[in-house]
């Protein structure tokens, strides 16, 4: 009787790591694609944020980050020239986990899209 080799990996291989630069590029492309030419509408902004987060999640799944839990957060607000401060805190493994973000603004709205990638051990 043969015993199968243990193929469980505790750390992701280099090609399957969460790469913030690659993820930021995906976010940037999708945010600009979805929001270019949009004007702020308070009644549509929640649906637009949900749609955008779903598109970001779908695109990131194509990157082969199978063992990562992806948390996608999209905030859309009205651009009124006022500052916005956002912060987040996480307890994670700095060797495998990371985050990426993109900020988009036009004359009418702002959007902050952030993705947190947390590796499943």
C-alpha atoms as a PDB file:
ATOM      1  CA  UNK A   1       0.000   0.000   0.000  1.00  0.00           C
ATOM      2  CA  UNK A   2       1.410   3.365  -1.063  1.00  0.00           C
ATOM      3  CA  UNK A   3       0.975   6.456   1.014  1.00  0.00           C
ATOM      4  CA  UNK A   4       0.432   9.688  -0.887  1.00  0.00           C
ATOM      5  CA  UNK A   5       2.983  12.376  -0.273  1.00  0.00           C
ATOM      6  CA  UNK A   6       1.874  15.281   1.870  1.00  0.00           C
ATOM      7  CA  UNK A   7       1.333  18.149  -0.557  1.00  0.00           C
ATOM      8  CA  UNK A   8      -0.086  20.626   1.945  1.00  0.00           C
ATOM      9  CA  UNK A   9       1.956  23.814   1.931  1.00  0.00           C
ATOM     10  CA  UNK A  10       2.132  26.152   4.896  1.00  0.00           C
ATOM     11  CA  UNK A  11       3.308  29.094   2.793  1.00  0.00           C
ATOM     12  CA  UNK A  12       2.185  30.112  -0.689  1.00  0.00           C
ATOM     13  CA  UNK A  13       4.598  29.621  -3.569  1.00  0.00           C
ATOM     14  CA  UNK A  14       6.008  32.780  -5.125  1.00  0.00           C
ATOM     15  CA  UNK A  15       3.597  32.588  -8.060  1.00  0.00           C
ATOM     16  CA  UNK A  16       0.578  32.243  -5.751  1.00  0.00           C
ATOM     17  CA  UNK A  17       1.406  35.083  -3.352  1.00  0.00           C
ATOM     18  CA  UNK A  18      -0.800  38.120  -2.940  1.00  0.00           C
ATOM     19  CA  UNK A  19       1.144  40.759  -4.888  1.00  0.00           C
ATOM     20  CA  UNK A  20      -0.062  44.268  -3.959  1.00  0.00           C
ATOM     21  CA  UNK A  21       1.243  45.895  -7.164  1.00  0.00           C
ATOM     22  CA  UNK A  22      -0.628  43.417  -9.381  1.00  0.00           C
ATOM     23  CA  UNK A  23      -3.789  43.651  -7.280  1.00  0.00           C
ATOM     24  CA  UNK A  24      -3.624  47.475  -7.271  1.00  0.00           C
ATOM     25  CA  UNK A  25      -3.375  47.428 -11.058  1.00  0.00           C
ATOM     26  CA  UNK A  26      -6.520  45.286 -11.296  1.00  0.00           C
ATOM     27  CA  UNK A  27      -8.378  47.546  -8.895  1.00  0.00           C
ATOM     28  CA  UNK A  28      -7.256  50.669 -10.768  1.00  0.00           C
ATOM     29  CA  UNK A  29      -8.380  49.304 -14.124  1.00  0.00           C
ATOM     30  CA  UNK A  30     -11.808  48.230 -12.890  1.00  0.00           C
ATOM     31  CA  UNK A  31     -12.497  51.380 -10.872  1.00  0.00           C
ATOM     32  CA  UNK A  32     -11.696  53.617 -13.835  1.00  0.00           C
ATOM     33  CA  UNK A  33     -13.678  51.419 -16.196  1.00  0.00           C
ATOM     34  CA  UNK A  34     -16.757  51.534 -13.946  1.00  0.00           C
ATOM     35  CA  UNK A  35     -16.600  55.132 -12.715  1.00  0.00           C
ATOM     36  CA  UNK A  36     -15.291  57.069 -15.689  1.00  0.00           C
ATOM     37  CA  UNK A  37     -17.958  59.615 -16.586  1.00  0.00           C
ATOM     38  CA  UNK A  38     -20.132  58.767 -13.552  1.00  0.00           C
ATOM     39  CA  UNK A  39     -21.664  61.499 -11.434  1.00  0.00           C
ATOM     40  CA  UNK A  40     -22.483  61.045  -7.749  1.00  0.00           C
ATOM     41  CA  UNK A  41     -26.002  59.854  -7.013  1.00  0.00           C
ATOM     42  CA  UNK A  42     -26.712  59.008  -3.377  1.00  0.00           C
ATOM     43  CA  UNK A  43     -29.451  56.567  -4.356  1.00  0.00           C
ATOM     44  CA  UNK A  44     -27.185  54.596  -6.709  1.00  0.00           C
ATOM     45  CA  UNK A  45     -23.877  54.746  -4.845  1.00  0.00           C
ATOM     46  CA  UNK A  46     -24.518  51.691  -2.625  1.00  0.00           C
ATOM     47  CA  UNK A  47     -25.438  49.516  -5.621  1.00  0.00           C
ATOM     48  CA  UNK A  48     -22.498  50.877  -7.589  1.00  0.00           C
ATOM     49  CA  UNK A  49     -20.117  50.058  -4.721  1.00  0.00           C
ATOM     50  CA  UNK A  50     -21.505  46.508  -4.437  1.00  0.00           C
ATOM     51  CA  UNK A  51     -21.239  45.955  -8.194  1.00  0.00           C
ATOM     52  CA  UNK A  52     -17.693  47.283  -8.243  1.00  0.00           C
ATOM     53  CA  UNK A  53     -16.643  45.087  -5.305  1.00  0.00           C
ATOM     54  CA  UNK A  54     -18.146  42.025  -7.051  1.00  0.00           C
ATOM     55  CA  UNK A  55     -16.218  42.835 -10.254  1.00  0.00           C
ATOM     56  CA  UNK A  56     -12.990  43.293  -8.293  1.00  0.00           C
ATOM     57  CA  UNK A  57     -13.508  39.979  -6.494  1.00  0.00           C
ATOM     58  CA  UNK A  58     -14.207  38.147  -9.758  1.00  0.00           C
ATOM     59  CA  UNK A  59     -11.105  39.612 -11.423  1.00  0.00           C
ATOM     60  CA  UNK A  60      -8.864  38.742  -8.477  1.00  0.00           C
ATOM     61  CA  UNK A  61     -10.096  35.138  -8.471  1.00  0.00           C
ATOM     62  CA  UNK A  62      -8.576  34.869 -11.961  1.00  0.00           C
ATOM     63  CA  UNK A  63      -5.130  35.522 -10.421  1.00  0.00           C
ATOM     64  CA  UNK A  64      -5.051  32.090  -8.777  1.00  0.00           C
ATOM     65  CA  UNK A  65      -5.091  33.263  -5.172  1.00  0.00           C
ATOM     66  CA  UNK A  66      -6.963  30.102  -4.206  1.00  0.00           C
ATOM     67  CA  UNK A  67      -5.819  29.874  -0.596  1.00  0.00           C
ATOM     68  CA  UNK A  68      -6.460  33.550   0.132  1.00  0.00           C
ATOM     69  CA  UNK A  69      -9.508  35.003   1.772  1.00  0.00           C
ATOM     70  CA  UNK A  70     -10.147  38.230  -0.157  1.00  0.00           C
ATOM     71  CA  UNK A  71     -11.887  41.065   1.634  1.00  0.00           C
ATOM     72  CA  UNK A  72     -12.959  43.798  -0.781  1.00  0.00           C
ATOM     73  CA  UNK A  73     -14.110  47.155   0.545  1.00  0.00           C
ATOM     74  CA  UNK A  74     -15.409  49.919  -1.744  1.00  0.00           C
ATOM     75  CA  UNK A  75     -16.474  53.347  -0.506  1.00  0.00           C
ATOM     76  CA  UNK A  76     -18.068  55.871  -2.880  1.00  0.00           C
ATOM     77  CA  UNK A  77     -18.866  59.393  -1.725  1.00  0.00           C
ATOM     78  CA  UNK A  78     -19.702  62.801  -3.052  1.00  0.00           C
ATOM     79  CA  UNK A  79     -16.766  65.007  -3.994  1.00  0.00           C
ATOM     80  CA  UNK A  80     -17.255  68.307  -2.179  1.00  0.00           C
ATOM     81  CA  UNK A  81     -13.653  69.336  -1.721  1.00  0.00           C
ATOM     82  CA  UNK A  82     -13.596  68.132   1.866  1.00  0.00           C
ATOM     83  CA  UNK A  83     -10.959  65.725   3.067  1.00  0.00           C
ATOM     84  CA  UNK A  84     -11.685  62.113   3.914  1.00  0.00           C
ATOM     85  CA  UNK A  85      -9.633  60.075   6.343  1.00  0.00           C
ATOM     86  CA  UNK A  86      -9.811  56.286   6.312  1.00  0.00           C
ATOM     87  CA  UNK A  87      -7.923  53.752   8.385  1.00  0.00           C
ATOM     88  CA  UNK A  88      -7.959  50.038   9.018  1.00  0.00           C
ATOM     89  CA  UNK A  89      -6.238  47.619  11.331  1.00  0.00           C
ATOM     90  CA  UNK A  90      -5.574  43.938  10.971  1.00  0.00           C
ATOM     91  CA  UNK A  91      -3.811  41.212  12.849  1.00  0.00           C
ATOM     92  CA  UNK A  92      -2.098  39.071  10.239  1.00  0.00           C
ATOM     93  CA  UNK A  93       1.023  37.312   9.076  1.00  0.00           C
ATOM     94  CA  UNK A  94       3.204  39.962   7.420  1.00  0.00           C
ATOM     95  CA  UNK A  95       4.976  37.237   5.417  1.00  0.00           C
ATOM     96  CA  UNK A  96       1.871  36.027   3.545  1.00  0.00           C
ATOM     97  CA  UNK A  97      -0.926  38.562   4.049  1.00  0.00           C
ATOM     98  CA  UNK A  98      -1.145  41.983   2.470  1.00  0.00           C
ATOM     99  CA  UNK A  99      -3.422  44.673   1.095  1.00  0.00           C
ATOM    100  CA  UNK A 100      -3.786  46.850  -1.974  1.00  0.00           C
ATOM    101  CA  UNK A 101      -5.857  49.930  -2.675  1.00  0.00           C
ATOM    102  CA  UNK A 102      -6.718  52.524  -5.264  1.00  0.00           C
ATOM    103  CA  UNK A 103      -8.252  55.982  -4.971  1.00  0.00           C
ATOM    104  CA  UNK A 104     -10.282  57.517  -7.780  1.00  0.00           C
ATOM    105  CA  UNK A 105     -11.699  61.031  -7.925  1.00  0.00           C
ATOM    106  CA  UNK A 106     -13.531  63.098 -10.487  1.00  0.00           C
ATOM    107  CA  UNK A 107     -15.433  66.391 -10.155  1.00  0.00           C
ATOM    108  CA  UNK A 108     -18.485  64.639  -8.728  1.00  0.00           C
ATOM    109  CA  UNK A 109     -17.357  61.656  -6.650  1.00  0.00           C
ATOM    110  CA  UNK A 110     -14.522  59.856  -4.917  1.00  0.00           C
ATOM    111  CA  UNK A 111     -13.957  56.144  -4.555  1.00  0.00           C
ATOM    112  CA  UNK A 112     -11.601  54.226  -2.294  1.00  0.00           C
ATOM    113  CA  UNK A 113     -11.293  50.531  -3.098  1.00  0.00           C
ATOM    114  CA  UNK A 114      -9.212  48.311  -0.821  1.00  0.00           C
ATOM    115  CA  UNK A 115      -8.497  44.589  -0.970  1.00  0.00           C
ATOM    116  CA  UNK A 116      -7.105  42.591   1.923  1.00  0.00           C
ATOM    117  CA  UNK A 117      -5.608  39.203   1.129  1.00  0.00           C
ATOM    118  CA  UNK A 118      -5.346  36.834   4.107  1.00  0.00           C
ATOM    119  CA  UNK A 119      -3.737  33.437   3.534  1.00  0.00           C
ATOM    120  CA  UNK A 120      -5.521  30.285   4.757  1.00  0.00           C
ATOM    121  CA  UNK A 121      -3.098  27.961   6.529  1.00  0.00           C
END
